[in-house]
N, C-alpha and C. Protein backbone atom coordinates (compact mmCIF):
# COMPACT_ATOMS: atom_id res chain seq x y z
N UNK A 1 123.28 66.48 -28.91
CA UNK A 1 122.60 65.52 -28.06
C UNK A 1 123.63 64.75 -27.25
N UNK A 2 123.23 64.32 -26.09
CA UNK A 2 124.12 63.56 -25.22
C UNK A 2 124.07 62.09 -25.58
N UNK A 3 125.15 61.39 -25.37
CA UNK A 3 125.22 59.97 -25.69
C UNK A 3 124.91 59.11 -24.47
N UNK A 4 123.87 58.32 -24.56
CA UNK A 4 123.50 57.35 -23.53
C UNK A 4 123.60 57.88 -22.10
N UNK A 5 123.13 59.10 -21.87
CA UNK A 5 123.11 59.65 -20.53
C UNK A 5 121.95 59.02 -19.78
N UNK A 6 122.23 58.32 -18.67
CA UNK A 6 121.14 57.69 -17.94
C UNK A 6 120.24 58.74 -17.30
N UNK A 7 118.96 58.67 -17.58
CA UNK A 7 117.97 59.53 -16.95
C UNK A 7 116.80 58.65 -16.57
N UNK A 8 115.90 59.15 -15.74
CA UNK A 8 114.74 58.35 -15.37
C UNK A 8 113.91 57.96 -16.58
N UNK A 9 114.03 58.70 -17.69
CA UNK A 9 113.22 58.45 -18.86
C UNK A 9 114.00 57.74 -19.96
N UNK A 10 115.20 57.27 -19.72
CA UNK A 10 115.99 56.67 -20.79
C UNK A 10 115.89 55.16 -20.86
N UNK A 11 115.11 54.56 -20.01
CA UNK A 11 114.96 53.11 -20.07
C UNK A 11 113.81 52.74 -21.00
N UNK A 12 113.69 51.47 -21.29
CA UNK A 12 112.63 50.99 -22.17
C UNK A 12 111.28 51.26 -21.53
N UNK A 13 110.29 51.73 -22.33
CA UNK A 13 108.95 51.96 -21.80
C UNK A 13 108.33 50.66 -21.29
N UNK A 14 107.51 50.77 -20.25
CA UNK A 14 106.89 49.58 -19.70
C UNK A 14 105.38 49.56 -19.88
N UNK A 15 104.78 50.67 -20.19
CA UNK A 15 103.34 50.74 -20.37
C UNK A 15 102.98 50.61 -21.84
N UNK A 16 101.75 50.17 -22.11
CA UNK A 16 101.28 50.11 -23.49
C UNK A 16 100.07 51.00 -23.69
N UNK A 17 99.89 52.00 -22.86
CA UNK A 17 98.76 52.91 -22.97
C UNK A 17 98.79 53.60 -24.33
N UNK A 18 97.62 53.67 -25.00
CA UNK A 18 97.55 54.26 -26.33
C UNK A 18 97.29 55.75 -26.29
N UNK A 19 96.82 56.30 -25.18
CA UNK A 19 96.48 57.71 -25.16
C UNK A 19 97.69 58.59 -24.87
N UNK A 20 98.73 58.05 -24.30
CA UNK A 20 99.94 58.83 -24.07
C UNK A 20 101.13 57.89 -24.01
N UNK A 21 102.27 58.40 -24.44
CA UNK A 21 103.48 57.58 -24.43
C UNK A 21 103.89 57.30 -22.99
N UNK A 22 104.50 56.15 -22.72
CA UNK A 22 104.89 55.78 -21.36
C UNK A 22 106.19 56.44 -20.91
N UNK A 23 106.62 57.47 -21.61
CA UNK A 23 107.84 58.18 -21.28
C UNK A 23 107.68 59.62 -21.73
N UNK A 24 108.42 60.53 -21.14
CA UNK A 24 108.37 61.91 -21.60
C UNK A 24 109.59 62.23 -22.46
N UNK A 25 110.69 61.50 -22.23
CA UNK A 25 111.90 61.74 -23.01
C UNK A 25 112.74 60.47 -23.02
N UNK A 26 113.17 60.09 -24.20
CA UNK A 26 114.01 58.91 -24.37
C UNK A 26 115.14 59.31 -25.31
N UNK A 27 116.38 59.22 -24.83
CA UNK A 27 117.54 59.63 -25.63
C UNK A 27 118.63 58.58 -25.53
N UNK A 28 119.19 58.23 -26.70
CA UNK A 28 120.26 57.24 -26.73
C UNK A 28 121.04 57.37 -28.03
N UNK A 29 122.22 56.75 -28.05
CA UNK A 29 123.08 56.71 -29.22
C UNK A 29 123.41 55.26 -29.52
N UNK A 30 123.35 54.88 -30.79
CA UNK A 30 123.69 53.53 -31.21
C UNK A 30 124.52 53.60 -32.48
N UNK A 31 125.30 52.57 -32.73
CA UNK A 31 126.02 52.45 -33.99
C UNK A 31 125.11 51.76 -34.99
N UNK A 32 124.88 52.40 -36.13
CA UNK A 32 124.05 51.84 -37.19
C UNK A 32 124.93 51.68 -38.42
N UNK A 33 125.20 50.45 -38.80
CA UNK A 33 126.09 50.16 -39.94
C UNK A 33 127.43 50.88 -39.78
N UNK A 34 127.93 50.92 -38.53
CA UNK A 34 129.22 51.53 -38.25
C UNK A 34 129.19 53.04 -38.11
N UNK A 35 128.02 53.66 -38.17
CA UNK A 35 127.89 55.12 -38.06
C UNK A 35 127.16 55.46 -36.77
N UNK A 36 127.72 56.36 -35.98
CA UNK A 36 127.07 56.81 -34.75
C UNK A 36 125.76 57.49 -35.11
N UNK A 37 124.68 57.02 -34.50
CA UNK A 37 123.35 57.54 -34.79
C UNK A 37 122.70 57.94 -33.47
N UNK A 38 122.21 59.16 -33.43
CA UNK A 38 121.58 59.68 -32.22
C UNK A 38 120.06 59.62 -32.36
N UNK A 39 119.41 59.26 -31.28
CA UNK A 39 117.95 59.13 -31.22
C UNK A 39 117.44 59.95 -30.05
N UNK A 40 116.42 60.74 -30.27
CA UNK A 40 115.78 61.50 -29.20
C UNK A 40 114.29 61.49 -29.45
N UNK A 41 113.54 60.98 -28.49
CA UNK A 41 112.08 60.94 -28.57
C UNK A 41 111.51 61.70 -27.39
N UNK A 42 110.72 62.72 -27.68
CA UNK A 42 110.13 63.56 -26.64
C UNK A 42 108.62 63.60 -26.83
N UNK A 43 107.89 63.49 -25.73
CA UNK A 43 106.43 63.52 -25.76
C UNK A 43 105.94 64.93 -25.42
N UNK A 44 105.09 65.45 -26.28
CA UNK A 44 104.39 66.71 -26.03
C UNK A 44 102.92 66.38 -25.87
N UNK A 45 102.12 67.36 -25.48
CA UNK A 45 100.70 67.10 -25.24
C UNK A 45 99.97 66.64 -26.49
N UNK A 46 100.41 67.09 -27.67
CA UNK A 46 99.68 66.75 -28.88
C UNK A 46 100.50 65.99 -29.94
N UNK A 47 101.79 65.80 -29.70
CA UNK A 47 102.65 65.12 -30.67
C UNK A 47 103.77 64.36 -29.96
N UNK A 48 104.32 63.37 -30.67
CA UNK A 48 105.63 62.82 -30.32
C UNK A 48 106.62 63.50 -31.25
N UNK A 49 107.76 63.91 -30.74
CA UNK A 49 108.81 64.50 -31.56
C UNK A 49 110.00 63.55 -31.51
N UNK A 50 110.41 63.07 -32.65
CA UNK A 50 111.45 62.06 -32.73
C UNK A 50 112.54 62.53 -33.67
N UNK A 51 113.78 62.53 -33.18
CA UNK A 51 114.93 62.87 -34.00
C UNK A 51 115.78 61.62 -34.17
N UNK A 52 116.12 61.31 -35.42
CA UNK A 52 117.06 60.24 -35.75
C UNK A 52 118.10 60.90 -36.65
N UNK A 53 119.34 61.03 -36.15
CA UNK A 53 120.34 61.75 -36.93
C UNK A 53 121.70 61.07 -36.89
N UNK A 54 122.33 61.04 -38.05
CA UNK A 54 123.71 60.60 -38.17
C UNK A 54 124.62 61.79 -38.47
N UNK A 55 124.02 62.97 -38.64
CA UNK A 55 124.77 64.16 -39.05
C UNK A 55 124.85 65.23 -37.97
N UNK A 56 124.12 65.05 -36.88
CA UNK A 56 124.07 66.08 -35.85
C UNK A 56 123.12 67.21 -36.21
N UNK A 57 122.40 67.05 -37.33
CA UNK A 57 121.42 68.04 -37.79
C UNK A 57 120.05 67.39 -37.80
N UNK A 58 119.01 68.23 -37.98
CA UNK A 58 117.65 67.69 -38.00
C UNK A 58 117.29 67.05 -39.33
N UNK A 59 117.85 67.49 -40.43
CA UNK A 59 117.54 66.91 -41.73
C UNK A 59 116.14 67.27 -42.18
N UNK A 60 115.40 66.30 -42.66
CA UNK A 60 114.04 66.52 -43.15
C UNK A 60 113.05 66.28 -42.02
N UNK A 61 112.07 67.18 -41.92
CA UNK A 61 111.04 67.07 -40.89
C UNK A 61 109.77 66.53 -41.53
N UNK A 62 109.27 65.43 -40.97
CA UNK A 62 108.06 64.78 -41.46
C UNK A 62 106.96 64.89 -40.43
N UNK A 63 105.73 65.00 -40.91
CA UNK A 63 104.54 64.85 -40.06
C UNK A 63 103.97 63.49 -40.44
N UNK A 64 103.84 62.60 -39.48
CA UNK A 64 103.37 61.24 -39.75
C UNK A 64 102.29 60.87 -38.74
N UNK A 65 101.37 60.04 -39.20
CA UNK A 65 100.28 59.64 -38.29
C UNK A 65 99.72 58.28 -38.68
N UNK A 66 98.94 57.76 -37.76
CA UNK A 66 98.23 56.48 -37.96
C UNK A 66 96.74 56.77 -37.80
N UNK A 67 95.98 56.45 -38.82
CA UNK A 67 94.52 56.61 -38.77
C UNK A 67 93.91 55.21 -38.80
N UNK A 68 92.88 55.00 -38.00
CA UNK A 68 92.20 53.70 -37.97
C UNK A 68 90.76 53.87 -38.46
N UNK A 69 90.32 52.94 -39.30
CA UNK A 69 88.94 52.97 -39.77
C UNK A 69 88.03 52.29 -38.74
N UNK A 70 86.76 52.19 -39.03
CA UNK A 70 85.82 51.62 -38.06
C UNK A 70 86.09 50.16 -37.76
N UNK A 71 86.74 49.44 -38.68
CA UNK A 71 87.11 48.05 -38.44
C UNK A 71 88.41 47.93 -37.64
N UNK A 72 89.07 49.06 -37.38
CA UNK A 72 90.32 49.05 -36.63
C UNK A 72 91.56 48.87 -37.48
N UNK A 73 91.39 48.83 -38.81
CA UNK A 73 92.55 48.69 -39.70
C UNK A 73 93.30 50.02 -39.76
N UNK A 74 94.61 49.94 -39.72
CA UNK A 74 95.45 51.14 -39.67
C UNK A 74 95.92 51.55 -41.05
N UNK A 75 95.97 52.87 -41.26
CA UNK A 75 96.58 53.46 -42.44
C UNK A 75 97.61 54.46 -41.94
N UNK A 76 98.85 54.31 -42.41
CA UNK A 76 99.94 55.17 -41.97
C UNK A 76 100.26 56.16 -43.08
N UNK A 77 100.49 57.41 -42.68
CA UNK A 77 100.83 58.43 -43.67
C UNK A 77 102.00 59.26 -43.15
N UNK A 78 102.76 59.80 -44.10
CA UNK A 78 103.89 60.67 -43.75
C UNK A 78 104.07 61.69 -44.87
N UNK A 79 104.29 62.93 -44.46
CA UNK A 79 104.48 64.01 -45.40
C UNK A 79 105.67 64.85 -44.95
N UNK A 80 106.55 65.16 -45.88
CA UNK A 80 107.67 66.05 -45.57
C UNK A 80 107.13 67.47 -45.43
N UNK A 81 107.43 68.12 -44.31
CA UNK A 81 106.97 69.50 -44.11
C UNK A 81 108.11 70.50 -44.22
N UNK A 82 109.32 70.06 -43.97
CA UNK A 82 110.52 70.90 -44.14
C UNK A 82 111.64 70.03 -44.66
N UNK A 83 112.38 70.54 -45.62
CA UNK A 83 113.54 69.80 -46.10
C UNK A 83 113.27 69.06 -47.39
N UNK A 84 114.13 68.11 -47.66
CA UNK A 84 114.11 67.35 -48.90
C UNK A 84 112.88 66.43 -48.98
N UNK A 85 112.17 66.53 -50.09
CA UNK A 85 111.02 65.65 -50.31
C UNK A 85 111.49 64.45 -51.12
N UNK A 86 111.65 63.34 -50.43
CA UNK A 86 112.19 62.13 -51.03
C UNK A 86 111.20 61.00 -50.75
N UNK A 87 110.63 60.37 -51.79
CA UNK A 87 109.65 59.30 -51.56
C UNK A 87 110.20 58.16 -50.70
N UNK A 88 111.48 57.83 -50.85
CA UNK A 88 112.07 56.76 -50.04
C UNK A 88 112.09 57.14 -48.56
N UNK A 89 112.42 58.39 -48.27
CA UNK A 89 112.43 58.84 -46.87
C UNK A 89 111.01 58.87 -46.30
N UNK A 90 110.01 59.16 -47.13
CA UNK A 90 108.63 59.13 -46.66
C UNK A 90 108.22 57.70 -46.28
N UNK A 91 108.70 56.72 -47.03
CA UNK A 91 108.46 55.31 -46.67
C UNK A 91 109.09 55.03 -45.30
N UNK A 92 110.30 55.52 -45.08
CA UNK A 92 110.97 55.33 -43.79
C UNK A 92 110.16 55.97 -42.67
N UNK A 93 109.65 57.18 -42.91
CA UNK A 93 108.85 57.87 -41.89
C UNK A 93 107.57 57.09 -41.58
N UNK A 94 106.93 56.53 -42.61
CA UNK A 94 105.72 55.72 -42.36
C UNK A 94 106.06 54.49 -41.54
N UNK A 95 107.20 53.88 -41.81
CA UNK A 95 107.61 52.69 -41.03
C UNK A 95 107.86 53.05 -39.57
N UNK A 96 108.46 54.21 -39.33
CA UNK A 96 108.73 54.63 -37.95
C UNK A 96 107.43 54.96 -37.22
N UNK A 97 106.47 55.62 -37.87
CA UNK A 97 105.21 55.93 -37.19
C UNK A 97 104.44 54.64 -36.91
N UNK A 98 104.64 53.62 -37.72
CA UNK A 98 104.00 52.33 -37.44
C UNK A 98 104.49 51.77 -36.11
N UNK A 99 105.77 51.96 -35.82
CA UNK A 99 106.34 51.50 -34.55
C UNK A 99 105.87 52.39 -33.40
N UNK A 100 105.97 53.71 -33.56
CA UNK A 100 105.60 54.61 -32.46
C UNK A 100 104.11 54.52 -32.14
N UNK A 101 103.28 54.18 -33.12
CA UNK A 101 101.84 54.08 -32.87
C UNK A 101 101.51 52.90 -31.96
N UNK A 102 102.46 51.99 -31.77
CA UNK A 102 102.24 50.88 -30.84
C UNK A 102 102.29 51.34 -29.39
N UNK A 103 102.93 52.48 -29.12
CA UNK A 103 103.04 52.97 -27.74
C UNK A 103 102.27 54.27 -27.51
N UNK A 104 101.86 54.94 -28.59
CA UNK A 104 101.12 56.19 -28.44
C UNK A 104 100.28 56.45 -29.69
N UNK A 105 99.08 56.93 -29.48
CA UNK A 105 98.19 57.29 -30.59
C UNK A 105 98.48 58.68 -31.12
N UNK A 106 99.41 59.40 -30.51
CA UNK A 106 99.72 60.76 -30.94
C UNK A 106 100.40 60.75 -32.31
N UNK A 107 100.12 61.78 -33.13
CA UNK A 107 100.87 61.89 -34.38
C UNK A 107 102.34 62.17 -34.10
N UNK A 108 103.16 61.99 -35.11
CA UNK A 108 104.61 62.06 -34.96
C UNK A 108 105.18 63.19 -35.80
N UNK A 109 106.05 64.00 -35.19
CA UNK A 109 106.93 64.89 -35.94
C UNK A 109 108.28 64.21 -35.92
N UNK A 110 108.80 63.88 -37.08
CA UNK A 110 110.03 63.11 -37.20
C UNK A 110 111.08 63.91 -37.95
N UNK A 111 112.22 64.13 -37.31
CA UNK A 111 113.37 64.74 -37.97
C UNK A 111 114.32 63.60 -38.32
N UNK A 112 114.59 63.43 -39.61
CA UNK A 112 115.36 62.29 -40.08
C UNK A 112 116.55 62.79 -40.91
N UNK A 113 117.77 62.49 -40.43
CA UNK A 113 118.99 62.90 -41.13
C UNK A 113 119.95 61.71 -41.15
N UNK A 114 119.93 60.98 -42.26
CA UNK A 114 120.81 59.83 -42.43
C UNK A 114 121.88 60.16 -43.46
N UNK A 115 123.08 59.62 -43.26
CA UNK A 115 124.16 59.84 -44.23
C UNK A 115 123.81 59.25 -45.59
N UNK A 116 123.16 58.10 -45.58
CA UNK A 116 122.71 57.43 -46.79
C UNK A 116 121.29 56.94 -46.57
N UNK A 117 120.56 56.75 -47.65
CA UNK A 117 119.20 56.24 -47.52
C UNK A 117 119.09 54.80 -48.03
N UNK A 118 120.10 54.01 -47.74
CA UNK A 118 120.09 52.62 -48.20
C UNK A 118 119.12 51.79 -47.36
N UNK A 119 118.53 50.77 -47.97
CA UNK A 119 117.64 49.89 -47.21
C UNK A 119 118.33 49.21 -46.03
N UNK A 120 119.61 48.87 -46.17
CA UNK A 120 120.33 48.21 -45.07
C UNK A 120 120.43 49.13 -43.86
N UNK A 121 120.77 50.39 -44.09
CA UNK A 121 120.85 51.34 -42.98
C UNK A 121 119.48 51.51 -42.34
N UNK A 122 118.45 51.65 -43.16
CA UNK A 122 117.15 51.88 -42.57
C UNK A 122 116.62 50.66 -41.83
N UNK A 123 116.88 49.46 -42.34
CA UNK A 123 116.46 48.26 -41.60
C UNK A 123 117.08 48.25 -40.21
N UNK A 124 118.34 48.65 -40.12
CA UNK A 124 119.01 48.66 -38.82
C UNK A 124 118.44 49.77 -37.92
N UNK A 125 118.18 50.96 -38.49
CA UNK A 125 117.55 52.04 -37.72
C UNK A 125 116.21 51.57 -37.18
N UNK A 126 115.40 50.95 -38.02
CA UNK A 126 114.09 50.48 -37.60
C UNK A 126 114.20 49.41 -36.51
N UNK A 127 115.18 48.53 -36.62
CA UNK A 127 115.38 47.51 -35.59
C UNK A 127 115.73 48.15 -34.25
N UNK A 128 116.57 49.17 -34.27
CA UNK A 128 116.92 49.89 -33.04
C UNK A 128 115.68 50.55 -32.44
N UNK A 129 114.90 51.21 -33.28
CA UNK A 129 113.68 51.89 -32.80
C UNK A 129 112.74 50.87 -32.16
N UNK A 130 112.52 49.74 -32.82
CA UNK A 130 111.64 48.71 -32.24
C UNK A 130 112.18 48.19 -30.92
N UNK A 131 113.46 47.92 -30.86
CA UNK A 131 114.06 47.36 -29.65
C UNK A 131 113.99 48.34 -28.48
N UNK A 132 114.17 49.62 -28.74
CA UNK A 132 114.24 50.60 -27.66
C UNK A 132 112.89 51.19 -27.27
N UNK A 133 111.91 51.18 -28.18
CA UNK A 133 110.66 51.88 -27.91
C UNK A 133 109.50 50.94 -27.58
N UNK A 134 109.42 49.82 -28.26
CA UNK A 134 108.27 48.93 -28.04
C UNK A 134 108.54 48.00 -26.88
């Protein structure tokens, strides 16, 4: 992945439309707890595909979504479909889909490859995602 390459789609989204993401591709690199972390978010017709990697690999692939009941209350779910099945990483995937669901109602395919799964690292990853996407 390229590091902070300016493209028409690399700026912060400006729309809050729920039926489609306000960008087709968002790519950037940030330091997370001193580790270079690459982020790539791509919109497809039926999914958002999001890669968060500190290893240059895809890591574990999750399918995550937000379902709303008739009262509008949200329930977030995440399931590992490829790779390591780790309950802590599934919590991380649910937290990320909670953020992405603010800009798009599409389900999420998330590739997550972190050097460590510490809460401190994930809090920083989540802060970056919120700052850049919402």
